[in-house]
Amino acid sequence: MPLSVSRAEIVLDLFEQYYHRVYCFCRRSLSPDGSEDIAQEVFTRLLQIERLPEMTISVSYLIKIADNLIKRRYNRLQRFQRFLEGNDGFKRGARLTSNEPVDALNLDDDLVQRLQSLTPTERDAVELVICHGLSYQEAAQCMGVPVSTVNNWKYRGLQKLKETVNDDAMTPMERSMAG
């Protein structure tokens, strides 16, 4: 493409040509909503590439971007799961197996209820950073606060979630002696 073509025009052209193929690739691993999110994210990321007018973009390049985004999402959810399980063998929550679709919204009712117990700011920070995988900077921009504030809210929220997991693991006798 000539260098005078804007990145937005290039991305629009690539979107029109390859969106369906990228979406179908994502659909092999994710729910329809998750696949749509990842496919759109692929093209959004292209807009950020400064050298885009100089590059030749193939569908395999776009699929590789999607594959990396899917893997990152899966790894984030696994880290979140391990955090919730801690050392006490927690058996509920955002349980994922290798054959389940990986989706940030693939949270069971117990975890959704636990998230509702957080303050709105803590819940937003945990959801944006942990469940949706935004960076602290992106979450801070979304919430209109400094990065350190998002970090504090997320930390407090995760600590409260961990406490609810530990409380549930206690027997009624242990709870009465602790409280």
C-alpha atoms as a PDB file:
ATOM      1  CA  MET A   1       0.000   0.000   0.000  1.00  0.00           C
ATOM      2  CA  PRO A   2       1.253   3.525  -0.596  1.00  0.00           C
ATOM      3  CA  LEU A   3       2.642   5.338   2.428  1.00  0.00           C
ATOM      4  CA  SER A   4       0.005   8.071   2.081  1.00  0.00           C
ATOM      5  CA  VAL A   5      -2.709   5.643   3.200  1.00  0.00           C
ATOM      6  CA  SER A   6      -3.593   6.146   6.876  1.00  0.00           C
ATOM      7  CA  ARG A   7      -3.342   3.390   9.455  1.00  0.00           C
ATOM      8  CA  ALA A   8      -7.103   3.595   9.993  1.00  0.00           C
ATOM      9  CA  GLU A   9      -7.755   2.937   6.297  1.00  0.00           C
ATOM     10  CA  ILE A  10      -5.338   0.002   6.312  1.00  0.00           C
ATOM     11  CA  VAL A  11      -6.959  -1.492   9.410  1.00  0.00           C
ATOM     12  CA  LEU A  12     -10.441  -0.995   7.953  1.00  0.00           C
ATOM     13  CA  ASP A  13      -9.378  -2.794   4.776  1.00  0.00           C
ATOM     14  CA  LEU A  14      -7.829  -5.653   6.772  1.00  0.00           C
ATOM     15  CA  PHE A  15     -10.919  -5.796   8.985  1.00  0.00           C
ATOM     16  CA  GLU A  16     -13.197  -6.147   5.972  1.00  0.00           C
ATOM     17  CA  GLN A  17     -10.983  -8.840   4.459  1.00  0.00           C
ATOM     18  CA  TYR A  18     -10.115 -10.949   7.489  1.00  0.00           C
ATOM     19  CA  TYR A  19     -12.457 -10.299  10.409  1.00  0.00           C
ATOM     20  CA  HIS A  20     -14.535 -13.408   9.735  1.00  0.00           C
ATOM     21  CA  ARG A  21     -11.461 -15.661   9.545  1.00  0.00           C
ATOM     22  CA  VAL A  22     -10.017 -14.255  12.776  1.00  0.00           C
ATOM     23  CA  TYR A  23     -13.405 -14.616  14.475  1.00  0.00           C
ATOM     24  CA  CYS A  24     -13.710 -18.250  13.311  1.00  0.00           C
ATOM     25  CA  PHE A  25     -10.240 -18.990  14.680  1.00  0.00           C
ATOM     26  CA  CYS A  26     -11.204 -17.518  18.056  1.00  0.00           C
ATOM     27  CA  ARG A  27     -14.504 -19.384  18.044  1.00  0.00           C
ATOM     28  CA  ARG A  28     -12.615 -22.685  18.241  1.00  0.00           C
ATOM     29  CA  SER A  29     -11.571 -21.758  21.795  1.00  0.00           C
ATOM     30  CA  LEU A  30     -13.998 -19.120  23.051  1.00  0.00           C
ATOM     31  CA  SER A  31     -17.674 -18.313  23.380  1.00  0.00           C
ATOM     32  CA  PRO A  32     -19.228 -16.127  20.649  1.00  0.00           C
ATOM     33  CA  ASP A  33     -18.920 -12.994  22.840  1.00  0.00           C
ATOM     34  CA  GLY A  34     -15.333 -13.774  23.818  1.00  0.00           C
ATOM     35  CA  SER A  35     -14.453 -14.485  20.183  1.00  0.00           C
ATOM     36  CA  GLU A  36     -15.907 -11.181  19.081  1.00  0.00           C
ATOM     37  CA  ASP A  37     -13.989  -9.324  21.794  1.00  0.00           C
ATOM     38  CA  ILE A  38     -10.676 -10.926  20.824  1.00  0.00           C
ATOM     39  CA  ALA A  39     -11.252 -10.452  17.081  1.00  0.00           C
ATOM     40  CA  GLN A  40     -11.997  -6.759  17.610  1.00  0.00           C
ATOM     41  CA  GLU A  41      -8.979  -6.407  19.895  1.00  0.00           C
ATOM     42  CA  VAL A  42      -6.748  -7.801  17.126  1.00  0.00           C
ATOM     43  CA  PHE A  43      -7.719  -4.966  14.797  1.00  0.00           C
ATOM     44  CA  THR A  44      -7.592  -2.369  17.568  1.00  0.00           C
ATOM     45  CA  ARG A  45      -3.998  -3.385  18.271  1.00  0.00           C
ATOM     46  CA  LEU A  46      -3.137  -2.910  14.607  1.00  0.00           C
ATOM     47  CA  LEU A  47      -4.049   0.756  14.950  1.00  0.00           C
ATOM     48  CA  GLN A  48      -1.245   1.128  17.492  1.00  0.00           C
ATOM     49  CA  ILE A  49       1.503  -0.088  15.142  1.00  0.00           C
ATOM     50  CA  GLU A  50       3.431   2.962  13.952  1.00  0.00           C
ATOM     51  CA  ARG A  51       5.051   1.163  10.997  1.00  0.00           C
ATOM     52  CA  LEU A  52       1.775  -0.334   9.753  1.00  0.00           C
ATOM     53  CA  PRO A  53       1.848   1.449   6.355  1.00  0.00           C
ATOM     54  CA  GLU A  54       5.274  -0.091   5.687  1.00  0.00           C
ATOM     55  CA  MET A  55       4.217  -3.616   6.659  1.00  0.00           C
ATOM     56  CA  THR A  56       2.524  -6.384   4.733  1.00  0.00           C
ATOM     57  CA  ILE A  57      -0.079  -7.947   7.012  1.00  0.00           C
ATOM     58  CA  SER A  58      -1.293 -11.480   6.326  1.00  0.00           C
ATOM     59  CA  VAL A  59      -4.187 -13.350   7.890  1.00  0.00           C
ATOM     60  CA  SER A  60      -1.689 -15.622   9.659  1.00  0.00           C
ATOM     61  CA  TYR A  61      -0.194 -12.551  11.383  1.00  0.00           C
ATOM     62  CA  LEU A  62      -3.670 -11.551  12.580  1.00  0.00           C
ATOM     63  CA  ILE A  63      -4.431 -15.077  13.764  1.00  0.00           C
ATOM     64  CA  LYS A  64      -1.154 -15.142  15.705  1.00  0.00           C
ATOM     65  CA  ILE A  65      -2.172 -11.922  17.471  1.00  0.00           C
ATOM     66  CA  ALA A  66      -5.525 -13.526  18.334  1.00  0.00           C
ATOM     67  CA  ASP A  67      -3.790 -16.672  19.563  1.00  0.00           C
ATOM     68  CA  ASN A  68      -1.546 -14.621  21.867  1.00  0.00           C
ATOM     69  CA  LEU A  69      -4.544 -12.693  23.237  1.00  0.00           C
ATOM     70  CA  ILE A  70      -6.418 -15.944  23.922  1.00  0.00           C
ATOM     71  CA  LYS A  71      -3.397 -17.395  25.726  1.00  0.00           C
ATOM     72  CA  ARG A  72      -2.983 -14.255  27.845  1.00  0.00           C
ATOM     73  CA  ARG A  73      -6.664 -14.310  28.791  1.00  0.00           C
ATOM     74  CA  TYR A  74      -6.446 -17.974  29.761  1.00  0.00           C
ATOM     75  CA  ASN A  75      -3.272 -17.401  31.824  1.00  0.00           C
ATOM     76  CA  ARG A  76      -4.852 -14.444  33.648  1.00  0.00           C
ATOM     77  CA  LEU A  77      -7.888 -16.520  34.563  1.00  0.00           C
ATOM     78  CA  GLN A  78      -5.662 -19.378  35.730  1.00  0.00           C
ATOM     79  CA  ARG A  79      -3.618 -17.001  37.939  1.00  0.00           C
ATOM     80  CA  PHE A  80      -6.853 -15.612  39.375  1.00  0.00           C
ATOM     81  CA  GLN A  81      -8.078 -19.160  40.034  1.00  0.00           C
ATOM     82  CA  ARG A  82      -4.832 -20.110  41.783  1.00  0.00           C
ATOM     83  CA  PHE A  83      -5.015 -16.935  43.871  1.00  0.00           C
ATOM     84  CA  LEU A  84      -8.531 -17.786  45.008  1.00  0.00           C
ATOM     85  CA  GLU A  85      -7.608 -21.366  45.782  1.00  0.00           C
ATOM     86  CA  GLY A  86      -4.567 -20.328  47.796  1.00  0.00           C
ATOM     87  CA  ASN A  87      -3.200 -23.087  49.997  1.00  0.00           C
ATOM     88  CA  ASP A  88      -6.523 -24.312  51.350  1.00  0.00           C
ATOM     89  CA  GLY A  89      -7.704 -26.299  48.334  1.00  0.00           C
ATOM     90  CA  PHE A  90     -10.642 -24.018  47.495  1.00  0.00           C
ATOM     91  CA  LYS A  91     -12.925 -26.018  45.200  1.00  0.00           C
ATOM     92  CA  ARG A  92     -15.350 -23.397  43.893  1.00  0.00           C
ATOM     93  CA  GLY A  93     -14.940 -20.237  41.827  1.00  0.00           C
ATOM     94  CA  ALA A  94     -13.852 -19.632  38.251  1.00  0.00           C
ATOM     95  CA  ARG A  95     -12.900 -23.265  37.687  1.00  0.00           C
ATOM     96  CA  LEU A  96     -11.439 -23.825  34.236  1.00  0.00           C
ATOM     97  CA  THR A  97     -10.485 -27.060  32.544  1.00  0.00           C
ATOM     98  CA  SER A  98      -8.574 -27.463  29.326  1.00  0.00           C
ATOM     99  CA  ASN A  99     -11.730 -28.258  27.321  1.00  0.00           C
ATOM    100  CA  GLU A 100     -13.887 -25.367  28.579  1.00  0.00           C
ATOM    101  CA  PRO A 101     -14.114 -22.162  26.551  1.00  0.00           C
ATOM    102  CA  VAL A 102     -11.894 -19.470  28.006  1.00  0.00           C
ATOM    103  CA  ASP A 103     -13.932 -16.359  28.597  1.00  0.00           C
ATOM    104  CA  ALA A 104     -13.562 -13.549  31.100  1.00  0.00           C
ATOM    105  CA  LEU A 105     -17.289 -13.958  31.786  1.00  0.00           C
ATOM    106  CA  ASN A 106     -16.913 -17.683  32.535  1.00  0.00           C
ATOM    107  CA  LEU A 107     -17.280 -17.144  36.289  1.00  0.00           C
ATOM    108  CA  ASP A 108     -19.542 -19.305  38.385  1.00  0.00           C
ATOM    109  CA  ASP A 109     -22.345 -17.909  40.538  1.00  0.00           C
ATOM    110  CA  ASP A 110     -20.327 -18.285  43.744  1.00  0.00           C
ATOM    111  CA  LEU A 111     -17.523 -16.062  42.441  1.00  0.00           C
ATOM    112  CA  VAL A 112     -19.975 -13.506  41.031  1.00  0.00           C
ATOM    113  CA  GLN A 113     -21.631 -13.356  44.471  1.00  0.00           C
ATOM    114  CA  ARG A 114     -18.234 -12.921  46.143  1.00  0.00           C
ATOM    115  CA  LEU A 115     -17.378 -10.073  43.742  1.00  0.00           C
ATOM    116  CA  GLN A 116     -20.662  -8.391  44.685  1.00  0.00           C
ATOM    117  CA  SER A 117     -19.504  -8.321  48.324  1.00  0.00           C
ATOM    118  CA  LEU A 118     -16.672  -5.898  47.425  1.00  0.00           C
ATOM    119  CA  THR A 119     -17.061  -2.140  47.332  1.00  0.00           C
ATOM    120  CA  PRO A 120     -17.908  -0.843  43.840  1.00  0.00           C
ATOM    121  CA  THR A 121     -14.393   0.550  43.342  1.00  0.00           C
ATOM    122  CA  GLU A 122     -12.699  -2.668  44.506  1.00  0.00           C
ATOM    123  CA  ARG A 123     -14.996  -4.769  42.324  1.00  0.00           C
ATOM    124  CA  ASP A 124     -14.323  -2.564  39.288  1.00  0.00           C
ATOM    125  CA  ALA A 125     -10.560  -2.740  39.834  1.00  0.00           C
ATOM    126  CA  VAL A 126     -10.587  -6.539  40.222  1.00  0.00           C
ATOM    127  CA  GLU A 127     -12.847  -7.031  37.212  1.00  0.00           C
ATOM    128  CA  LEU A 128     -10.907  -4.673  34.944  1.00  0.00           C
ATOM    129  CA  VAL A 129      -7.420  -5.892  35.866  1.00  0.00           C
ATOM    130  CA  ILE A 130      -8.009  -9.563  36.699  1.00  0.00           C
ATOM    131  CA  CYS A 131     -11.123 -10.638  34.789  1.00  0.00           C
ATOM    132  CA  HIS A 132     -10.763  -8.441  31.712  1.00  0.00           C
ATOM    133  CA  GLY A 133      -6.987  -8.217  31.656  1.00  0.00           C
ATOM    134  CA  LEU A 134      -6.558  -4.478  31.380  1.00  0.00           C
ATOM    135  CA  SER A 135      -3.245  -3.033  32.446  1.00  0.00           C
ATOM    136  CA  TYR A 136      -3.208  -0.870  35.552  1.00  0.00           C
ATOM    137  CA  GLN A 137      -2.769   2.154  33.278  1.00  0.00           C
ATOM    138  CA  GLU A 138      -5.799   1.219  31.159  1.00  0.00           C
ATOM    139  CA  ALA A 139      -7.915   0.519  34.240  1.00  0.00           C
ATOM    140  CA  ALA A 140      -6.842   3.833  35.770  1.00  0.00           C
ATOM    141  CA  GLN A 141      -7.892   5.676  32.614  1.00  0.00           C
ATOM    142  CA  CYS A 142     -11.253   3.878  32.568  1.00  0.00           C
ATOM    143  CA  MET A 143     -11.884   4.690  36.217  1.00  0.00           C
ATOM    144  CA  GLY A 144     -10.466   8.216  36.084  1.00  0.00           C
ATOM    145  CA  VAL A 145      -8.036   7.693  38.965  1.00  0.00           C
ATOM    146  CA  PRO A 146      -4.258   7.323  39.392  1.00  0.00           C
ATOM    147  CA  VAL A 147      -2.630   3.930  38.749  1.00  0.00           C
ATOM    148  CA  SER A 148      -1.655   3.622  42.427  1.00  0.00           C
ATOM    149  CA  THR A 149      -5.319   3.934  43.419  1.00  0.00           C
ATOM    150  CA  VAL A 150      -6.322   1.112  41.049  1.00  0.00           C
ATOM    151  CA  ASN A 151      -3.494  -1.001  42.480  1.00  0.00           C
ATOM    152  CA  ASN A 152      -4.714  -0.331  46.048  1.00  0.00           C
ATOM    153  CA  TRP A 153      -8.362  -1.103  45.228  1.00  0.00           C
ATOM    154  CA  LYS A 154      -7.421  -4.306  43.411  1.00  0.00           C
ATOM    155  CA  TYR A 155      -5.172  -5.421  46.276  1.00  0.00           C
ATOM    156  CA  ARG A 156      -7.873  -4.750  48.896  1.00  0.00           C
ATOM    157  CA  GLY A 157     -10.489  -6.492  46.766  1.00  0.00           C
ATOM    158  CA  LEU A 158      -8.336  -9.587  46.297  1.00  0.00           C
ATOM    159  CA  GLN A 159      -7.550  -9.709  50.010  1.00  0.00           C
ATOM    160  CA  LYS A 160     -11.272  -9.570  50.830  1.00  0.00           C
ATOM    161  CA  LEU A 161     -11.979 -12.336  48.305  1.00  0.00           C
ATOM    162  CA  LYS A 162      -9.240 -14.452  49.812  1.00  0.00           C
ATOM    163  CA  GLU A 163     -10.672 -13.856  53.305  1.00  0.00           C
ATOM    164  CA  THR A 164     -14.137 -15.012  52.188  1.00  0.00           C
ATOM    165  CA  VAL A 165     -12.571 -18.171  50.780  1.00  0.00           C
ATOM    166  CA  ASN A 166     -10.678 -18.801  54.027  1.00  0.00           C
ATOM    167  CA  ASP A 167     -13.813 -18.098  56.105  1.00  0.00           C
ATOM    168  CA  ASP A 168     -15.792 -20.615  54.052  1.00  0.00           C
ATOM    169  CA  ALA A 169     -13.097 -23.232  54.643  1.00  0.00           C
ATOM    170  CA  MET A 170     -13.473 -22.880  58.439  1.00  0.00           C
ATOM    171  CA  THR A 171     -15.753 -25.125  60.405  1.00  0.00           C
ATOM    172  CA  PRO A 172     -18.510 -23.466  62.486  1.00  0.00           C
ATOM    173  CA  MET A 173     -16.457 -24.191  65.638  1.00  0.00           C
ATOM    174  CA  GLU A 174     -13.356 -22.488  64.185  1.00  0.00           C
ATOM    175  CA  ARG A 175     -15.478 -19.473  63.189  1.00  0.00           C
ATOM    176  CA  SER A 176     -16.902 -19.085  66.675  1.00  0.00           C
ATOM    177  CA  MET A 177     -13.419 -19.244  68.230  1.00  0.00           C
ATOM    178  CA  ALA A 178     -11.997 -16.756  65.685  1.00  0.00           C
ATOM    179  CA  GLY A 179     -14.808 -14.228  66.090  1.00  0.00           C
END
